[in-house]
Amino acid sequence: MVFLFISNGVKNHFMQKLSPKCYGKNAQTFIEVNGFVSPCCWLVSTNKRADLLKKLLGNKFDKLYITESSMDEIKQIYKKLENTWKTDQPFSTCLEECRNNKNV
């Protein structure tokens, strides 16, 4: 199932730093065997990255399982991640994996 997480209204200065792979026509949803839902395979690819996402999302992190929330609810939780792109400090995993090298 393809599920576009990122809203099209976010195209602003963040695109100068990032070219998110979870944005646009090739966006995919990742549902891990344990039911964890993510717009990106990199977000929890290491324990450190998972811990950073937990820190960002707080107690809502536990709601990112398909057994705990609807896809619409999960999409809303990820808005907090998306909102970091509108700042001078995008979420570190996004910056590491989706940096727009042309404008670094």
PDB file of N, CA and C in Angstrom:
ATOM      1  N   MET A   1       0.839  -1.164   0.000  1.00  0.00           N
ATOM      2  CA  MET A   1       0.000   0.000   0.000  1.00  0.00           C
ATOM      3  C   MET A   1       0.891   1.236   0.000  1.00  0.00           C
ATOM      4  N   VAL A   2       0.647   2.122  -0.906  1.00  0.00           N
ATOM      5  CA  VAL A   2       1.365   3.390  -0.952  1.00  0.00           C
ATOM      6  C   VAL A   2       0.520   4.413  -0.213  1.00  0.00           C
ATOM      7  N   PHE A   3       1.147   5.123   0.696  1.00  0.00           N
ATOM      8  CA  PHE A   3       0.435   6.087   1.528  1.00  0.00           C
ATOM      9  C   PHE A   3       1.280   7.327   1.629  1.00  0.00           C
ATOM     10  N   LEU A   4       0.904   8.357   0.936  1.00  0.00           N
ATOM     11  CA  LEU A   4       1.678   9.595   0.940  1.00  0.00           C
ATOM     12  C   LEU A   4       1.488  10.305   2.272  1.00  0.00           C
ATOM     13  N   PHE A   5       2.549  10.359   3.055  1.00  0.00           N
ATOM     14  CA  PHE A   5       2.484  10.982   4.366  1.00  0.00           C
ATOM     15  C   PHE A   5       2.600  12.488   4.309  1.00  0.00           C
ATOM     16  N   ILE A   6       3.434  12.977   3.472  1.00  0.00           N
ATOM     17  CA  ILE A   6       3.811  14.373   3.531  1.00  0.00           C
ATOM     18  C   ILE A   6       2.865  15.213   2.680  1.00  0.00           C
ATOM     19  N   SER A   7       2.349  16.270   3.267  1.00  0.00           N
ATOM     20  CA  SER A   7       1.383  17.113   2.567  1.00  0.00           C
ATOM     21  C   SER A   7       2.072  17.952   1.500  1.00  0.00           C
ATOM     22  N   ASN A   8       1.369  18.207   0.438  1.00  0.00           N
ATOM     23  CA  ASN A   8       1.933  18.978  -0.668  1.00  0.00           C
ATOM     24  C   ASN A   8       2.092  20.453  -0.336  1.00  0.00           C
ATOM     25  N   GLY A   9       1.480  20.935   0.727  1.00  0.00           N
ATOM     26  CA  GLY A   9       1.561  22.337   1.081  1.00  0.00           C
ATOM     27  C   GLY A   9       2.842  22.731   1.793  1.00  0.00           C
ATOM     28  N   VAL A  10       3.758  21.803   1.955  1.00  0.00           N
ATOM     29  CA  VAL A  10       4.973  22.072   2.721  1.00  0.00           C
ATOM     30  C   VAL A  10       6.099  22.605   1.837  1.00  0.00           C
ATOM     31  N   LYS A  11       5.900  22.668   0.551  1.00  0.00           N
ATOM     32  CA  LYS A  11       6.967  23.107  -0.348  1.00  0.00           C
ATOM     33  C   LYS A  11       7.328  24.556  -0.056  1.00  0.00           C
ATOM     34  N   ASN A  12       8.338  24.764   0.694  1.00  0.00           N
ATOM     35  CA  ASN A  12       8.863  26.107   0.932  1.00  0.00           C
ATOM     36  C   ASN A  12      10.373  25.994   1.061  1.00  0.00           C
ATOM     37  N   HIS A  13      10.966  26.747   1.918  1.00  0.00           N
ATOM     38  CA  HIS A  13      12.428  26.770   1.967  1.00  0.00           C
ATOM     39  C   HIS A  13      13.051  25.451   2.397  1.00  0.00           C
ATOM     40  N   PHE A  14      12.272  24.505   2.948  1.00  0.00           N
ATOM     41  CA  PHE A  14      12.871  23.240   3.347  1.00  0.00           C
ATOM     42  C   PHE A  14      13.435  22.495   2.144  1.00  0.00           C
ATOM     43  N   MET A  15      12.857  22.703   0.982  1.00  0.00           N
ATOM     44  CA  MET A  15      13.339  22.009  -0.206  1.00  0.00           C
ATOM     45  C   MET A  15      14.752  22.454  -0.575  1.00  0.00           C
ATOM     46  N   GLN A  16      15.206  23.558  -0.019  1.00  0.00           N
ATOM     47  CA  GLN A  16      16.572  23.986  -0.267  1.00  0.00           C
ATOM     48  C   GLN A  16      17.560  23.073   0.461  1.00  0.00           C
ATOM     49  N   LYS A  17      17.151  22.502   1.578  1.00  0.00           N
ATOM     50  CA  LYS A  17      18.026  21.614   2.350  1.00  0.00           C
ATOM     51  C   LYS A  17      17.732  20.148   2.105  1.00  0.00           C
ATOM     52  N   LEU A  18      16.475  19.826   1.826  1.00  0.00           N
ATOM     53  CA  LEU A  18      16.044  18.439   1.748  1.00  0.00           C
ATOM     54  C   LEU A  18      15.348  18.120   0.439  1.00  0.00           C
ATOM     55  N   SER A  19      15.508  16.885   0.031  1.00  0.00           N
ATOM     56  CA  SER A  19      14.706  16.292  -1.038  1.00  0.00           C
ATOM     57  C   SER A  19      14.138  15.003  -0.459  1.00  0.00           C
ATOM     58  N   PRO A  20      13.102  15.110   0.380  1.00  0.00           N
ATOM     59  CA  PRO A  20      12.596  13.940   1.099  1.00  0.00           C
ATOM     60  C   PRO A  20      12.087  12.851   0.163  1.00  0.00           C
ATOM     61  N   LYS A  21      12.544  11.649   0.409  1.00  0.00           N
ATOM     62  CA  LYS A  21      12.114  10.500  -0.384  1.00  0.00           C
ATOM     63  C   LYS A  21      10.680  10.101  -0.033  1.00  0.00           C
ATOM     64  N   CYS A  22      10.173  10.568   1.101  1.00  0.00           N
ATOM     65  CA  CYS A  22       8.802  10.251   1.514  1.00  0.00           C
ATOM     66  C   CYS A  22       7.821  11.277   0.970  1.00  0.00           C
ATOM     67  N   TYR A  23       8.264  12.108   0.071  1.00  0.00           N
ATOM     68  CA  TYR A  23       7.474  13.203  -0.481  1.00  0.00           C
ATOM     69  C   TYR A  23       7.347  13.004  -1.985  1.00  0.00           C
ATOM     70  N   GLY A  24       6.165  13.070  -2.517  1.00  0.00           N
ATOM     71  CA  GLY A  24       5.993  12.995  -3.960  1.00  0.00           C
ATOM     72  C   GLY A  24       5.481  11.662  -4.455  1.00  0.00           C
ATOM     73  N   LYS A  25       5.599  11.459  -5.745  1.00  0.00           N
ATOM     74  CA  LYS A  25       4.962  10.313  -6.390  1.00  0.00           C
ATOM     75  C   LYS A  25       5.586   8.974  -6.020  1.00  0.00           C
ATOM     76  N   ASN A  26       6.806   8.938  -5.546  1.00  0.00           N
ATOM     77  CA  ASN A  26       7.448   7.676  -5.185  1.00  0.00           C
ATOM     78  C   ASN A  26       7.350   7.351  -3.698  1.00  0.00           C
ATOM     79  N   ALA A  27       6.574   8.111  -2.968  1.00  0.00           N
ATOM     80  CA  ALA A  27       6.439   7.896  -1.525  1.00  0.00           C
ATOM     81  C   ALA A  27       5.796   6.542  -1.251  1.00  0.00           C
ATOM     82  N   GLN A  28       6.278   5.888  -0.206  1.00  0.00           N
ATOM     83  CA  GLN A  28       5.755   4.584   0.201  1.00  0.00           C
ATOM     84  C   GLN A  28       5.570   4.555   1.699  1.00  0.00           C
ATOM     85  N   THR A  29       4.738   3.655   2.142  1.00  0.00           N
ATOM     86  CA  THR A  29       4.557   3.431   3.567  1.00  0.00           C
ATOM     87  C   THR A  29       5.262   2.139   3.933  1.00  0.00           C
ATOM     88  N   PHE A  30       5.967   2.155   5.040  1.00  0.00           N
ATOM     89  CA  PHE A  30       6.632   0.960   5.539  1.00  0.00           C
ATOM     90  C   PHE A  30       5.902   0.490   6.779  1.00  0.00           C
ATOM     91  N   ILE A  31       5.448  -0.740   6.751  1.00  0.00           N
ATOM     92  CA  ILE A  31       4.837  -1.353   7.921  1.00  0.00           C
ATOM     93  C   ILE A  31       5.698  -2.545   8.280  1.00  0.00           C
ATOM     94  N   GLU A  32       6.366  -2.425   9.412  1.00  0.00           N
ATOM     95  CA  GLU A  32       7.276  -3.480   9.839  1.00  0.00           C
ATOM     96  C   GLU A  32       6.498  -4.675  10.378  1.00  0.00           C
ATOM     97  N   VAL A  33       7.172  -5.781  10.517  1.00  0.00           N
ATOM     98  CA  VAL A  33       6.529  -7.018  10.957  1.00  0.00           C
ATOM     99  C   VAL A  33       5.859  -6.859  12.322  1.00  0.00           C
ATOM    100  N   ASN A  34       6.347  -5.953  13.151  1.00  0.00           N
ATOM    101  CA  ASN A  34       5.754  -5.712  14.472  1.00  0.00           C
ATOM    102  C   ASN A  34       4.591  -4.717  14.412  1.00  0.00           C
ATOM    103  N   GLY A  35       4.269  -4.216  13.204  1.00  0.00           N
ATOM    104  CA  GLY A  35       3.145  -3.298  13.034  1.00  0.00           C
ATOM    105  C   GLY A  35       3.514  -1.827  13.058  1.00  0.00           C
ATOM    106  N   PHE A  36       4.797  -1.515  13.248  1.00  0.00           N
ATOM    107  CA  PHE A  36       5.241  -0.123  13.264  1.00  0.00           C
ATOM    108  C   PHE A  36       5.103   0.469  11.867  1.00  0.00           C
ATOM    109  N   VAL A  37       4.502   1.655  11.781  1.00  0.00           N
ATOM    110  CA  VAL A  37       4.248   2.315  10.505  1.00  0.00           C
ATOM    111  C   VAL A  37       5.173   3.518  10.368  1.00  0.00           C
ATOM    112  N   SER A  38       5.772   3.646   9.195  1.00  0.00           N
ATOM    113  CA  SER A  38       6.701   4.741   8.960  1.00  0.00           C
ATOM    114  C   SER A  38       6.638   5.178   7.505  1.00  0.00           C
ATOM    115  N   PRO A  39       6.811   6.473   7.240  1.00  0.00           N
ATOM    116  CA  PRO A  39       6.881   6.931   5.859  1.00  0.00           C
ATOM    117  C   PRO A  39       8.263   6.708   5.253  1.00  0.00           C
ATOM    118  N   CYS A  40       9.204   6.217   6.067  1.00  0.00           N
ATOM    119  CA  CYS A  40      10.592   6.113   5.629  1.00  0.00           C
ATOM    120  C   CYS A  40      11.291   4.960   6.345  1.00  0.00           C
ATOM    121  N   CYS A  41      11.997   4.158   5.593  1.00  0.00           N
ATOM    122  CA  CYS A  41      12.704   3.029   6.201  1.00  0.00           C
ATOM    123  C   CYS A  41      13.883   3.467   7.069  1.00  0.00           C
ATOM    124  N   TRP A  42      14.366   4.685   6.893  1.00  0.00           N
ATOM    125  CA  TRP A  42      15.532   5.160   7.632  1.00  0.00           C
ATOM    126  C   TRP A  42      15.200   5.653   9.045  1.00  0.00           C
ATOM    127  N   LEU A  43      13.964   6.000   9.304  1.00  0.00           N
ATOM    128  CA  LEU A  43      13.613   6.640  10.581  1.00  0.00           C
ATOM    129  C   LEU A  43      13.969   5.807  11.806  1.00  0.00           C
ATOM    130  N   VAL A  44      13.860   4.509  11.707  1.00  0.00           N
ATOM    131  CA  VAL A  44      14.172   3.647  12.853  1.00  0.00           C
ATOM    132  C   VAL A  44      15.173   2.564  12.454  1.00  0.00           C
ATOM    133  N   SER A  45      16.064   2.897  11.527  1.00  0.00           N
ATOM    134  CA  SER A  45      17.025   1.912  11.013  1.00  0.00           C
ATOM    135  C   SER A  45      18.122   1.564  12.015  1.00  0.00           C
ATOM    136  N   THR A  46      18.301   2.392  13.032  1.00  0.00           N
ATOM    137  CA  THR A  46      19.245   2.086  14.118  1.00  0.00           C
ATOM    138  C   THR A  46      18.568   2.436  15.440  1.00  0.00           C
ATOM    139  N   ASN A  47      19.094   1.911  16.514  1.00  0.00           N
ATOM    140  CA  ASN A  47      18.545   2.245  17.832  1.00  0.00           C
ATOM    141  C   ASN A  47      18.654   3.739  18.108  1.00  0.00           C
ATOM    142  N   LYS A  48      19.750   4.341  17.700  1.00  0.00           N
ATOM    143  CA  LYS A  48      19.940   5.781  17.920  1.00  0.00           C
ATOM    144  C   LYS A  48      18.862   6.584  17.189  1.00  0.00           C
ATOM    145  N   ARG A  49      18.594   6.215  15.948  1.00  0.00           N
ATOM    146  CA  ARG A  49      17.573   6.928  15.183  1.00  0.00           C
ATOM    147  C   ARG A  49      16.180   6.720  15.781  1.00  0.00           C
ATOM    148  N   ALA A  50      15.912   5.516  16.223  1.00  0.00           N
ATOM    149  CA  ALA A  50      14.618   5.242  16.870  1.00  0.00           C
ATOM    150  C   ALA A  50      14.482   6.083  18.132  1.00  0.00           C
ATOM    151  N   ASP A  51      15.562   6.182  18.904  1.00  0.00           N
ATOM    152  CA  ASP A  51      15.536   6.995  20.124  1.00  0.00           C
ATOM    153  C   ASP A  51      15.312   8.473  19.819  1.00  0.00           C
ATOM    154  N   LEU A  52      15.915   8.970  18.740  1.00  0.00           N
ATOM    155  CA  LEU A  52      15.710  10.365  18.338  1.00  0.00           C
ATOM    156  C   LEU A  52      14.251  10.612  17.947  1.00  0.00           C
ATOM    157  N   LEU A  53      13.660   9.654  17.233  1.00  0.00           N
ATOM    158  CA  LEU A  53      12.256   9.798  16.849  1.00  0.00           C
ATOM    159  C   LEU A  53      11.351   9.735  18.075  1.00  0.00           C
ATOM    160  N   LYS A  54      11.678   8.846  19.011  1.00  0.00           N
ATOM    161  CA  LYS A  54      10.911   8.770  20.267  1.00  0.00           C
ATOM    162  C   LYS A  54      10.986  10.084  21.026  1.00  0.00           C
ATOM    163  N   LYS A  55      12.170  10.669  21.055  1.00  0.00           N
ATOM    164  CA  LYS A  55      12.346  11.940  21.757  1.00  0.00           C
ATOM    165  C   LYS A  55      11.522  13.044  21.099  1.00  0.00           C
ATOM    166  N   LEU A  56      11.506  13.073  19.777  1.00  0.00           N
ATOM    167  CA  LEU A  56      10.740  14.085  19.051  1.00  0.00           C
ATOM    168  C   LEU A  56       9.238  13.915  19.275  1.00  0.00           C
ATOM    169  N   LEU A  57       8.755  12.688  19.187  1.00  0.00           N
ATOM    170  CA  LEU A  57       7.318  12.437  19.229  1.00  0.00           C
ATOM    171  C   LEU A  57       6.763  12.179  20.621  1.00  0.00           C
ATOM    172  N   GLY A  58       7.637  11.933  21.583  1.00  0.00           N
ATOM    173  CA  GLY A  58       7.188  11.701  22.958  1.00  0.00           C
ATOM    174  C   GLY A  58       6.288  10.485  23.063  1.00  0.00           C
ATOM    175  N   ASN A  59       5.242  10.593  23.862  1.00  0.00           N
ATOM    176  CA  ASN A  59       4.365   9.440  24.101  1.00  0.00           C
ATOM    177  C   ASN A  59       3.551   9.050  22.866  1.00  0.00           C
ATOM    178  N   LYS A  60       3.537   9.893  21.848  1.00  0.00           N
ATOM    179  CA  LYS A  60       2.817   9.553  20.617  1.00  0.00           C
ATOM    180  C   LYS A  60       3.564   8.510  19.789  1.00  0.00           C
ATOM    181  N   PHE A  61       4.843   8.306  20.093  1.00  0.00           N
ATOM    182  CA  PHE A  61       5.620   7.288  19.372  1.00  0.00           C
ATOM    183  C   PHE A  61       4.941   5.925  19.468  1.00  0.00           C
ATOM    184  N   ASP A  62       4.407   5.601  20.630  1.00  0.00           N
ATOM    185  CA  ASP A  62       3.758   4.301  20.836  1.00  0.00           C
ATOM    186  C   ASP A  62       2.463   4.161  20.051  1.00  0.00           C
ATOM    187  N   LYS A  63       1.972   5.239  19.489  1.00  0.00           N
ATOM    188  CA  LYS A  63       0.749   5.207  18.681  1.00  0.00           C
ATOM    189  C   LYS A  63       1.038   4.951  17.197  1.00  0.00           C
ATOM    190  N   LEU A  64       2.313   4.758  16.847  1.00  0.00           N
ATOM    191  CA  LEU A  64       2.705   4.570  15.453  1.00  0.00           C
ATOM    192  C   LEU A  64       2.612   3.118  14.992  1.00  0.00           C
ATOM    193  N   TYR A  65       1.833   2.330  15.680  1.00  0.00           N
ATOM    194  CA  TYR A  65       1.627   0.927  15.320  1.00  0.00           C
ATOM    195  C   TYR A  65       0.237   0.781  14.729  1.00  0.00           C
ATOM    196  N   ILE A  66       0.135   0.012  13.665  1.00  0.00           N
ATOM    197  CA  ILE A  66      -1.138  -0.152  12.969  1.00  0.00           C
ATOM    198  C   ILE A  66      -2.208  -0.742  13.882  1.00  0.00           C
ATOM    199  N   THR A  67      -1.795  -1.422  14.926  1.00  0.00           N
ATOM    200  CA  THR A  67      -2.746  -1.997  15.875  1.00  0.00           C
ATOM    201  C   THR A  67      -3.217  -0.976  16.910  1.00  0.00           C
ATOM    202  N   GLU A  68      -2.570   0.174  16.971  1.00  0.00           N
ATOM    203  CA  GLU A  68      -2.888   1.200  17.967  1.00  0.00           C
ATOM    204  C   GLU A  68      -3.633   2.404  17.396  1.00  0.00           C
ATOM    205  N   SER A  69      -3.453   2.664  16.105  1.00  0.00           N
ATOM    206  CA  SER A  69      -4.003   3.883  15.498  1.00  0.00           C
ATOM    207  C   SER A  69      -4.398   3.620  14.055  1.00  0.00           C
ATOM    208  N   SER A  70      -5.276   4.468  13.550  1.00  0.00           N
ATOM    209  CA  SER A  70      -5.624   4.406  12.127  1.00  0.00           C
ATOM    210  C   SER A  70      -4.498   5.062  11.320  1.00  0.00           C
ATOM    211  N   MET A  71      -4.510   4.828  10.029  1.00  0.00           N
ATOM    212  CA  MET A  71      -3.494   5.455   9.179  1.00  0.00           C
ATOM    213  C   MET A  71      -3.639   6.978   9.211  1.00  0.00           C
ATOM    214  N   ASP A  72      -4.844   7.475   9.288  1.00  0.00           N
ATOM    215  CA  ASP A  72      -5.033   8.930   9.380  1.00  0.00           C
ATOM    216  C   ASP A  72      -4.444   9.486  10.673  1.00  0.00           C
ATOM    217  N   GLU A  73      -4.628   8.775  11.774  1.00  0.00           N
ATOM    218  CA  GLU A  73      -4.052   9.214  13.057  1.00  0.00           C
ATOM    219  C   GLU A  73      -2.531   9.177  13.010  1.00  0.00           C
ATOM    220  N   ILE A  74      -1.987   8.137  12.413  1.00  0.00           N
ATOM    221  CA  ILE A  74      -0.529   8.018  12.291  1.00  0.00           C
ATOM    222  C   ILE A  74       0.015   9.147  11.417  1.00  0.00           C
ATOM    223  N   LYS A  75      -0.685   9.442  10.352  1.00  0.00           N
ATOM    224  CA  LYS A  75      -0.273  10.542   9.477  1.00  0.00           C
ATOM    225  C   LYS A  75      -0.210  11.853  10.253  1.00  0.00           C
ATOM    226  N   GLN A  76      -1.176  12.094  11.112  1.00  0.00           N
ATOM    227  CA  GLN A  76      -1.198  13.318  11.924  1.00  0.00           C
ATOM    228  C   GLN A  76      -0.022  13.366  12.900  1.00  0.00           C
ATOM    229  N   ILE A  77       0.335  12.228  13.466  1.00  0.00           N
ATOM    230  CA  ILE A  77       1.478  12.179  14.386  1.00  0.00           C
ATOM    231  C   ILE A  77       2.757  12.569  13.653  1.00  0.00           C
ATOM    232  N   TYR A  78       2.911  12.096  12.422  1.00  0.00           N
ATOM    233  CA  TYR A  78       4.120  12.404  11.655  1.00  0.00           C
ATOM    234  C   TYR A  78       4.190  13.856  11.198  1.00  0.00           C
ATOM    235  N   LYS A  79       3.121  14.623  11.355  1.00  0.00           N
ATOM    236  CA  LYS A  79       3.162  16.053  11.016  1.00  0.00           C
ATOM    237  C   LYS A  79       4.238  16.772  11.833  1.00  0.00           C
ATOM    238  N   LYS A  80       4.455  16.309  13.060  1.00  0.00           N
ATOM    239  CA  LYS A  80       5.486  16.939  13.896  1.00  0.00           C
ATOM    240  C   LYS A  80       6.866  16.776  13.261  1.00  0.00           C
ATOM    241  N   LEU A  81       7.124  15.636  12.679  1.00  0.00           N
ATOM    242  CA  LEU A  81       8.375  15.406  11.962  1.00  0.00           C
ATOM    243  C   LEU A  81       8.443  16.318  10.742  1.00  0.00           C
ATOM    244  N   GLU A  82       7.387  16.356   9.988  1.00  0.00           N
ATOM    245  CA  GLU A  82       7.320  17.208   8.800  1.00  0.00           C
ATOM    246  C   GLU A  82       7.551  18.673   9.156  1.00  0.00           C
ATOM    247  N   ASN A  83       7.023  19.099  10.274  1.00  0.00           N
ATOM    248  CA  ASN A  83       7.177  20.495  10.684  1.00  0.00           C
ATOM    249  C   ASN A  83       8.628  20.879  10.948  1.00  0.00           C
ATOM    250  N   THR A  84       9.480  19.926  11.277  1.00  0.00           N
ATOM    251  CA  THR A  84      10.900  20.250  11.488  1.00  0.00           C
ATOM    252  C   THR A  84      11.555  20.701  10.194  1.00  0.00           C
ATOM    253  N   TRP A  85      10.993  20.297   9.079  1.00  0.00           N
ATOM    254  CA  TRP A  85      11.564  20.677   7.786  1.00  0.00           C
ATOM    255  C   TRP A  85      11.415  22.156   7.520  1.00  0.00           C
ATOM    256  N   LYS A  86      10.499  22.791   8.199  1.00  0.00           N
ATOM    257  CA  LYS A  86      10.249  24.224   7.999  1.00  0.00           C
ATOM    258  C   LYS A  86      11.160  25.075   8.875  1.00  0.00           C
ATOM    259  N   THR A  87      12.071  24.427   9.571  1.00  0.00           N
ATOM    260  CA  THR A  87      12.972  25.123  10.476  1.00  0.00           C
ATOM    261  C   THR A  87      14.390  25.097   9.918  1.00  0.00           C
ATOM    262  N   ASP A  88      15.283  25.736  10.621  1.00  0.00           N
ATOM    263  CA  ASP A  88      16.693  25.698  10.236  1.00  0.00           C
ATOM    264  C   ASP A  88      17.363  24.409  10.689  1.00  0.00           C
ATOM    265  N   GLN A  89      16.644  23.595  11.481  1.00  0.00           N
ATOM    266  CA  GLN A  89      17.195  22.325  11.952  1.00  0.00           C
ATOM    267  C   GLN A  89      16.202  21.189  11.683  1.00  0.00           C
ATOM    268  N   PRO A  90      16.161  20.710  10.429  1.00  0.00           N
ATOM    269  CA  PRO A  90      15.287  19.581  10.132  1.00  0.00           C
ATOM    270  C   PRO A  90      15.680  18.360  10.972  1.00  0.00           C
ATOM    271  N   PHE A  91      14.748  17.447  11.151  1.00  0.00           N
ATOM    272  CA  PHE A  91      15.028  16.229  11.906  1.00  0.00           C
ATOM    273  C   PHE A  91      16.298  15.584  11.359  1.00  0.00           C
ATOM    274  N   SER A  92      17.194  15.189  12.243  1.00  0.00           N
ATOM    275  CA  SER A  92      18.548  14.768  11.848  1.00  0.00           C
ATOM    276  C   SER A  92      18.562  13.603  10.864  1.00  0.00           C
ATOM    277  N   THR A  93      17.697  12.610  11.034  1.00  0.00           N
ATOM    278  CA  THR A  93      17.685  11.485  10.108  1.00  0.00           C
ATOM    279  C   THR A  93      17.274  11.947   8.717  1.00  0.00           C
ATOM    280  N   CYS A  94      16.305  12.826   8.640  1.00  0.00           N
ATOM    281  CA  CYS A  94      15.877  13.373   7.350  1.00  0.00           C
ATOM    282  C   CYS A  94      17.033  14.117   6.685  1.00  0.00           C
ATOM    283  N   LEU A  95      17.734  14.895   7.459  1.00  0.00           N
ATOM    284  CA  LEU A  95      18.856  15.662   6.927  1.00  0.00           C
ATOM    285  C   LEU A  95      19.983  14.737   6.464  1.00  0.00           C
ATOM    286  N   GLU A  96      20.271  13.693   7.232  1.00  0.00           N
ATOM    287  CA  GLU A  96      21.334  12.753   6.866  1.00  0.00           C
ATOM    288  C   GLU A  96      21.002  11.967   5.600  1.00  0.00           C
ATOM    289  N   GLU A  97      19.755  11.531   5.471  1.00  0.00           N
ATOM    290  CA  GLU A  97      19.390  10.642   4.373  1.00  0.00           C
ATOM    291  C   GLU A  97      18.824  11.353   3.152  1.00  0.00           C
ATOM    292  N   CYS A  98      18.297  12.548   3.326  1.00  0.00           N
ATOM    293  CA  CYS A  98      17.595  13.226   2.228  1.00  0.00           C
ATOM    294  C   CYS A  98      18.134  14.619   1.958  1.00  0.00           C
ATOM    295  N   ARG A  99      19.355  14.853   2.346  1.00  0.00           N
ATOM    296  CA  ARG A  99      19.976  16.154   2.104  1.00  0.00           C
ATOM    297  C   ARG A  99      19.999  16.449   0.616  1.00  0.00           C
ATOM    298  N   ASN A 100      19.662  17.659   0.280  1.00  0.00           N
ATOM    299  CA  ASN A 100      19.727  18.124  -1.098  1.00  0.00           C
ATOM    300  C   ASN A 100      21.149  18.611  -1.330  1.00  0.00           C
ATOM    301  N   ASN A 101      21.977  17.776  -1.903  1.00  0.00           N
ATOM    302  CA  ASN A 101      23.409  18.066  -2.043  1.00  0.00           C
ATOM    303  C   ASN A 101      23.708  19.289  -2.887  1.00  0.00           C
ATOM    304  N   LYS A 102      22.776  19.684  -3.722  1.00  0.00           N
ATOM    305  CA  LYS A 102      23.015  20.846  -4.584  1.00  0.00           C
ATOM    306  C   LYS A 102      23.100  22.139  -3.792  1.00  0.00           C
ATOM    307  N   ASN A 103      22.471  22.167  -2.604  1.00  0.00           N
ATOM    308  CA  ASN A 103      22.424  23.413  -1.849  1.00  0.00           C
ATOM    309  C   ASN A 103      23.072  23.303  -0.480  1.00  0.00           C
ATOM    310  N   VAL A 104      23.980  22.395  -0.312  1.00  0.00           N
ATOM    311  CA  VAL A 104      24.632  22.219   0.997  1.00  0.00           C
ATOM    312  C   VAL A 104      25.776  23.193   1.105  1.00  0.00           C
TER     313      VAL A 104
END
